[in-house]
């Protein structure tokens, strides 16, 4: 108990000293929800109904748009190393607004691949990439705490956005709901992110000065290139474990309303229960963050999939009970 109390105090102290940058990370990671599966999946029944898509067709469209986004992200994401953070964040927020607006106006099923690509690229990809990269870059000694606090940002979106969108779709329709999301990106995310980054130039100079000194002295730590990573066999051994959570959670979120329908559960109640998942995620990350700082990510990695495996076993048992 004392372990968790002491580390909770460490989180409070850390957050108090870095309020603005952590706030920026929260805005970007929370805003990334507009392009996350748990958000887009809520629109599935309405989109399929209006455009005449089967579950299989809608899933194939989503997969195609997501894979295209993943192929482009290594290049668009790398630009954050060459563009000033405020300008990069502003561009990403405006691009997210454009993606949501395009989705609201999509005329036919054929344009859905483009819409999904844009939402996944700007929201799930670049918004989350911007927030997470900014915090990781400027908190090198506290990355475990930073990752744990970032999980709270994601969890807040997971807990709030799906149920809000279910209510919005019921009230104003799915197209107007995406229009509302586009307006929120311009009117809320963009100005708030830029306000939280006021004075960022001084922070960036403080970050760069020791790196420049190390470079001049020839003591700079070497960083792995993309080619170095791809050439290392250990990368391919770790890859399945690293990818599994994304595949599994994406599938569950994407088809969650279909599962609710199958089991006879109310859609609003089901999405409103996402807060349980969000709270569990936060507690898990708050506990694991200090462990990563103390033991290193390498030593914690072997236990990565254990909680998810247990959760899936319980879900399968529950499904079997309902089916019988």
Protein backbone atom coordinates (compact mmCIF):
# COMPACT_ATOMS: atom_id res chain seq x y z
CA UNK A 1 0.00 0.00 0.00
CA UNK A 2 2.82 2.38 0.90
CA UNK A 3 4.34 1.72 -2.55
CA UNK A 4 1.25 3.03 -4.32
CA UNK A 5 0.82 5.97 -1.93
CA UNK A 6 4.41 7.11 -2.40
CA UNK A 7 4.20 6.83 -6.16
CA UNK A 8 0.84 8.59 -6.26
CA UNK A 9 2.52 11.50 -4.47
CA UNK A 10 5.24 11.34 -7.13
CA UNK A 11 2.62 11.65 -9.87
CA UNK A 12 1.02 14.64 -8.16
CA UNK A 13 4.39 16.38 -7.78
CA UNK A 14 5.34 15.60 -11.39
CA UNK A 15 2.00 16.88 -12.72
CA UNK A 16 2.21 20.04 -10.65
CA UNK A 17 5.59 20.93 -12.12
CA UNK A 18 4.60 20.25 -15.73
CA UNK A 19 0.97 21.31 -15.91
CA UNK A 20 0.99 23.04 -19.30
CA UNK A 21 2.81 20.37 -21.29
CA UNK A 22 0.82 17.59 -19.65
CA UNK A 23 -2.32 19.59 -20.41
CA UNK A 24 -1.26 19.82 -24.05
CA UNK A 25 -0.75 16.07 -24.11
CA UNK A 26 -4.21 15.56 -22.62
CA UNK A 27 -5.87 17.77 -25.24
CA UNK A 28 -4.15 15.98 -28.13
CA UNK A 29 -4.65 12.45 -26.83
CA UNK A 30 -8.25 13.07 -25.82
CA UNK A 31 -8.92 14.75 -29.17
CA UNK A 32 -7.42 11.79 -30.99
CA UNK A 33 -10.58 9.94 -29.99
CA UNK A 34 -12.32 11.37 -33.06
CA UNK A 35 -10.20 9.01 -35.14
CA UNK A 36 -10.04 6.09 -32.70
CA UNK A 37 -11.90 2.83 -33.20
CA UNK A 38 -14.01 3.25 -30.05
CA UNK A 39 -15.39 6.48 -31.57
CA UNK A 40 -15.81 5.39 -35.19
CA UNK A 41 -17.32 2.06 -34.15
CA UNK A 42 -20.29 3.85 -32.56
CA UNK A 43 -21.25 5.16 -36.00
CA UNK A 44 -21.17 1.70 -37.57
CA UNK A 45 -24.88 0.80 -37.44
CA UNK A 46 -26.00 4.23 -38.72
CA UNK A 47 -23.40 4.32 -41.51
CA UNK A 48 -24.15 0.77 -42.60
CA UNK A 49 -27.88 1.40 -42.53
CA UNK A 50 -27.78 4.57 -44.65
CA UNK A 51 -25.19 3.37 -47.16
CA UNK A 52 -26.40 -0.22 -47.39
CA UNK A 53 -23.27 -1.95 -46.13
CA UNK A 54 -22.97 -5.38 -44.56
CA UNK A 55 -20.81 -6.00 -41.49
CA UNK A 56 -18.18 -7.53 -43.78
CA UNK A 57 -18.15 -4.61 -46.22
CA UNK A 58 -17.91 -2.01 -43.46
CA UNK A 59 -15.10 -3.99 -41.77
CA UNK A 60 -13.20 -4.26 -45.08
CA UNK A 61 -13.52 -0.50 -45.67
CA UNK A 62 -12.28 0.21 -42.17
CA UNK A 63 -9.35 -2.17 -42.56
CA UNK A 64 -8.33 -0.62 -45.89
CA UNK A 65 -8.44 2.93 -44.55
CA UNK A 66 -6.53 1.95 -41.41
CA UNK A 67 -3.80 0.11 -43.32
CA UNK A 68 -3.36 3.03 -45.72
CA UNK A 69 -2.99 5.34 -42.73
CA UNK A 70 -0.41 3.05 -41.15
CA UNK A 71 1.63 3.04 -44.37
CA UNK A 72 1.71 6.84 -44.55
CA UNK A 73 2.25 7.55 -40.84
CA UNK A 74 6.04 6.89 -40.74
CA UNK A 75 6.52 9.86 -43.08
CA UNK A 76 3.87 12.26 -41.79
CA UNK A 77 4.76 11.45 -38.18
CA UNK A 78 8.47 12.05 -38.79
CA UNK A 79 7.76 15.68 -39.68
CA UNK A 80 7.34 16.46 -35.98
CA UNK A 81 11.15 16.30 -35.72
CA UNK A 82 11.55 19.05 -38.32
CA UNK A 83 8.57 21.35 -37.67
CA UNK A 84 8.02 23.53 -34.60
CA UNK A 85 5.59 21.82 -32.23
CA UNK A 86 2.94 24.61 -32.18
CA UNK A 87 2.79 24.73 -35.99
CA UNK A 88 2.69 20.94 -36.24
CA UNK A 89 -0.07 20.63 -33.62
CA UNK A 90 -2.14 23.34 -35.29
CA UNK A 91 -1.84 21.65 -38.68
CA UNK A 92 -2.86 18.29 -37.22
CA UNK A 93 -5.90 19.78 -35.44
CA UNK A 94 -7.09 21.51 -38.62
CA UNK A 95 -6.52 18.33 -40.62
CA UNK A 96 -8.60 16.39 -38.09
CA UNK A 97 -11.41 18.93 -38.43
CA UNK A 98 -11.26 18.56 -42.23
CA UNK A 99 -11.35 14.76 -41.92
CA UNK A 100 -14.43 14.86 -39.68
CA UNK A 101 -16.14 17.36 -41.99
CA UNK A 102 -15.40 15.16 -45.02
CA UNK A 103 -16.89 12.16 -43.20
CA UNK A 104 -20.03 14.13 -42.39
CA UNK A 105 -20.48 14.90 -46.09
CA UNK A 106 -19.37 11.56 -47.59
CA UNK A 107 -21.77 10.96 -50.51
CA UNK A 108 -21.47 7.20 -50.97
CA UNK A 109 -19.83 4.03 -49.70
CA UNK A 110 -17.00 4.42 -52.20
CA UNK A 111 -15.75 7.54 -50.41
CA UNK A 112 -15.74 5.85 -47.01
CA UNK A 113 -12.22 4.46 -47.49
CA UNK A 114 -10.96 8.02 -47.93
CA UNK A 115 -12.94 9.17 -44.90
CA UNK A 116 -11.61 6.34 -42.71
CA UNK A 117 -8.07 6.97 -43.96
CA UNK A 118 -8.31 10.67 -43.08
CA UNK A 119 -9.83 10.02 -39.65
CA UNK A 120 -7.28 7.35 -38.77
CA UNK A 121 -4.35 9.36 -40.10
CA UNK A 122 -5.20 12.63 -38.38
CA UNK A 123 -6.91 11.35 -35.24
CA UNK A 124 -5.66 7.94 -34.20
CA UNK A 125 -2.33 8.57 -35.91
CA UNK A 126 -1.10 12.14 -35.78
CA UNK A 127 -3.08 13.57 -32.85
CA UNK A 128 -1.97 10.80 -30.51
CA UNK A 129 1.54 10.85 -32.01
CA UNK A 130 1.86 14.59 -31.40
CA UNK A 131 0.76 14.43 -27.77
CA UNK A 132 2.75 11.34 -26.87
CA UNK A 133 5.92 12.45 -28.69
CA UNK A 134 5.88 15.89 -27.08
CA UNK A 135 5.61 14.46 -23.57
CA UNK A 136 8.19 11.72 -24.16
CA UNK A 137 10.67 14.16 -25.69
CA UNK A 138 10.66 16.66 -22.85
CA UNK A 139 10.35 14.17 -19.95
CA UNK A 140 13.24 11.77 -20.68
CA UNK A 141 13.83 10.90 -17.03
CA UNK A 142 10.16 10.31 -16.24
CA UNK A 143 8.88 8.47 -19.28
CA UNK A 144 7.22 5.79 -17.18
CA UNK A 145 5.14 8.42 -15.39
CA UNK A 146 4.47 10.22 -18.66
CA UNK A 147 3.19 7.04 -20.33
CA UNK A 148 1.01 6.29 -17.30
CA UNK A 149 -0.51 9.77 -17.32
CA UNK A 150 -1.04 9.51 -21.08
CA UNK A 151 -3.16 6.44 -20.40
CA UNK A 152 -5.47 8.66 -18.35
CA UNK A 153 -5.84 10.96 -21.36
CA UNK A 154 -6.85 8.06 -23.59
CA UNK A 155 -9.09 6.62 -20.87
CA UNK A 156 -10.98 9.90 -20.53
CA UNK A 157 -11.83 9.76 -24.22
CA UNK A 158 -12.80 6.10 -24.04
CA UNK A 159 -15.08 6.73 -21.08
CA UNK A 160 -16.83 9.87 -22.38
CA UNK A 161 -16.82 10.09 -26.17
CA UNK A 162 -18.64 6.85 -27.15
CA UNK A 163 -21.67 7.43 -24.94
CA UNK A 164 -21.82 11.10 -25.95
CA UNK A 165 -21.81 10.10 -29.61
CA UNK A 166 -24.52 7.48 -29.09
CA UNK A 167 -26.70 10.21 -27.60
CA UNK A 168 -25.75 12.71 -30.33
CA UNK A 169 -26.51 10.24 -33.15
CA UNK A 170 -29.91 9.50 -31.61
CA UNK A 171 -30.65 13.23 -31.35
CA UNK A 172 -29.21 14.77 -34.54
CA UNK A 173 -28.04 11.88 -36.74
CA UNK A 174 -24.60 10.54 -37.56
CA UNK A 175 -23.67 13.16 -40.17
CA UNK A 176 -24.44 16.12 -37.91
CA UNK A 177 -22.57 14.36 -35.10
CA UNK A 178 -19.43 14.22 -37.23
CA UNK A 179 -19.98 17.86 -38.13
CA UNK A 180 -20.08 18.60 -34.41
CA UNK A 181 -16.77 16.77 -33.99
CA UNK A 182 -15.22 18.89 -36.76
CA UNK A 183 -16.42 22.07 -35.07
CA UNK A 184 -14.97 20.91 -31.74
CA UNK A 185 -11.56 20.32 -33.35
CA UNK A 186 -11.48 23.93 -34.62
CA UNK A 187 -13.19 25.71 -31.74
CA UNK A 188 -11.81 23.75 -28.77
CA UNK A 189 -8.80 21.56 -29.57
CA UNK A 190 -6.89 24.04 -31.75
CA UNK A 191 -7.01 27.16 -29.53
CA UNK A 192 -6.55 25.18 -26.31
CA UNK A 193 -3.50 23.33 -27.65
CA UNK A 194 -1.85 26.57 -28.82
CA UNK A 195 -2.59 28.30 -25.51
CA UNK A 196 -1.03 25.44 -23.55
CA UNK A 197 2.09 25.66 -25.75
CA UNK A 198 2.71 29.33 -24.95
CA UNK A 199 6.36 29.67 -23.98
CA UNK A 200 7.26 26.39 -25.64
CA UNK A 201 10.23 27.91 -27.49
CA UNK A 202 12.09 28.36 -24.20
CA UNK A 203 11.37 24.74 -23.20
CA UNK A 204 12.62 23.51 -26.56
CA UNK A 205 15.84 25.53 -26.29
CA UNK A 206 16.48 24.07 -22.84
CA UNK A 207 15.95 20.61 -24.30
CA UNK A 208 18.24 21.22 -27.28
CA UNK A 209 21.19 22.87 -25.49
CA UNK A 210 22.63 19.73 -23.83
CA UNK A 211 22.07 17.75 -27.03
CA UNK A 212 24.00 20.34 -29.06
CA UNK A 213 26.80 20.31 -26.46
CA UNK A 214 27.02 16.51 -26.64
CA UNK A 215 27.08 16.64 -30.43
CA UNK A 216 29.95 19.12 -30.43
CA UNK A 217 31.89 17.09 -27.87
CA UNK A 218 31.29 13.84 -29.73
CA UNK A 219 29.50 12.27 -26.76
CA UNK A 220 26.02 12.19 -28.25
CA UNK A 221 24.19 8.92 -27.74
CA UNK A 222 23.53 7.17 -31.02
CA UNK A 223 19.89 6.60 -31.97
CA UNK A 224 18.62 3.69 -33.96
CA UNK A 225 17.37 4.41 -37.45
CA UNK A 226 14.33 2.72 -38.98
CA UNK A 227 16.72 0.52 -40.99
CA UNK A 228 18.59 -0.52 -37.82
CA UNK A 229 15.34 -1.62 -36.19
CA UNK A 230 14.15 -3.56 -39.23
CA UNK A 231 17.51 -5.34 -39.49
CA UNK A 232 17.43 -6.59 -35.88
CA UNK A 233 15.89 -10.06 -35.44
CA UNK A 234 14.73 -9.18 -31.92
CA UNK A 235 12.30 -6.66 -33.39
CA UNK A 236 10.38 -9.46 -35.11
CA UNK A 237 10.30 -11.53 -31.92
CA UNK A 238 8.76 -8.64 -29.97
CA UNK A 239 6.43 -7.53 -32.79
CA UNK A 240 3.61 -10.10 -32.25
CA UNK A 241 3.28 -9.20 -28.56
CA UNK A 242 3.40 -5.49 -29.35
CA UNK A 243 0.75 -5.74 -32.08
CA UNK A 244 -1.66 -8.14 -30.36
CA UNK A 245 -3.30 -5.59 -28.02
CA UNK A 246 -4.03 -3.19 -30.88
CA UNK A 247 -5.58 -5.91 -33.05
CA UNK A 248 -7.69 -7.34 -30.23
CA UNK A 249 -8.91 -4.04 -28.78
CA UNK A 250 -9.64 -2.62 -32.24
CA UNK A 251 -11.79 -5.64 -33.10
CA UNK A 252 -13.69 -5.43 -29.81
CA UNK A 253 -14.31 -1.69 -30.11
CA UNK A 254 -15.23 -1.84 -33.79
CA UNK A 255 -17.85 -4.55 -33.32
CA UNK A 256 -19.00 -3.61 -29.83
CA UNK A 257 -22.50 -2.56 -30.88
CA UNK A 258 -22.91 -5.76 -32.88
CA UNK A 259 -21.94 -7.70 -29.76
CA UNK A 260 -24.39 -5.67 -27.68
CA UNK A 261 -27.15 -6.43 -30.20
CA UNK A 262 -26.24 -10.12 -30.16
CA UNK A 263 -26.53 -10.26 -26.38
CA UNK A 264 -29.61 -8.05 -26.15
CA UNK A 265 -27.85 -5.20 -24.38
CA UNK A 266 -28.89 -1.55 -24.73
CA UNK A 267 -26.38 0.40 -26.84
CA UNK A 268 -26.34 3.45 -24.53
CA UNK A 269 -25.83 1.28 -21.46
CA UNK A 270 -23.07 -0.68 -23.16
CA UNK A 271 -21.09 2.34 -24.36
CA UNK A 272 -21.80 4.09 -21.06
CA UNK A 273 -20.03 1.21 -19.33
CA UNK A 274 -16.75 2.02 -21.10
CA UNK A 275 -15.75 3.93 -17.99
CA UNK A 276 -15.06 0.58 -16.32
CA UNK A 277 -12.53 -0.22 -19.04
CA UNK A 278 -11.09 3.28 -18.78
CA UNK A 279 -10.69 3.12 -14.99
CA UNK A 280 -9.01 -0.27 -15.26
CA UNK A 281 -6.60 1.08 -17.87
CA UNK A 282 -5.67 4.04 -15.70
CA UNK A 283 -5.04 1.95 -12.59
CA UNK A 284 -2.95 -0.52 -14.58
CA UNK A 285 -0.82 2.21 -16.12
CA UNK A 286 -0.38 4.11 -12.85
CA UNK A 287 0.91 0.91 -11.30
CA UNK A 288 3.14 -0.05 -14.24
CA UNK A 289 4.66 3.41 -14.82
CA UNK A 290 6.86 3.38 -11.70
CA UNK A 291 7.80 -0.24 -12.43
CA UNK A 292 9.06 0.78 -15.87
CA UNK A 293 11.08 3.65 -14.37
CA UNK A 294 12.52 1.32 -11.71
CA UNK A 295 12.97 -1.97 -13.59
CA UNK A 296 13.06 -0.83 -17.27
CA UNK A 297 10.58 -1.63 -20.01
CA UNK A 298 12.64 -4.64 -21.06
CA UNK A 299 12.07 -6.45 -17.78
CA UNK A 300 8.36 -5.57 -17.62
CA UNK A 301 7.66 -6.60 -21.24
CA UNK A 302 7.24 -10.39 -20.63
CA UNK A 303 4.12 -9.70 -18.51
CA UNK A 304 2.56 -7.39 -21.14
CA UNK A 305 -0.16 -9.73 -22.40
CA UNK A 306 -1.08 -11.47 -19.13
CA UNK A 307 -3.93 -9.10 -18.09
CA UNK A 308 -5.45 -9.05 -21.59
CA UNK A 309 -5.29 -12.85 -21.79
CA UNK A 310 -7.16 -13.13 -18.51
CA UNK A 311 -9.78 -10.62 -19.69
CA UNK A 312 -10.38 -12.51 -22.93
CA UNK A 313 -10.76 -15.79 -21.06
CA UNK A 314 -13.39 -14.20 -18.82
CA UNK A 315 -15.17 -12.68 -21.82
CA UNK A 316 -15.28 -16.04 -23.59
CA UNK A 317 -16.70 -17.70 -20.49
CA UNK A 318 -19.36 -14.99 -20.29
CA UNK A 319 -20.18 -15.40 -23.98
CA UNK A 320 -20.46 -19.17 -23.61
CA UNK A 321 -22.85 -18.70 -20.69
CA UNK A 322 -25.05 -16.35 -22.74
CA UNK A 323 -24.99 -18.61 -25.80
CA UNK A 324 -26.21 -21.63 -23.84
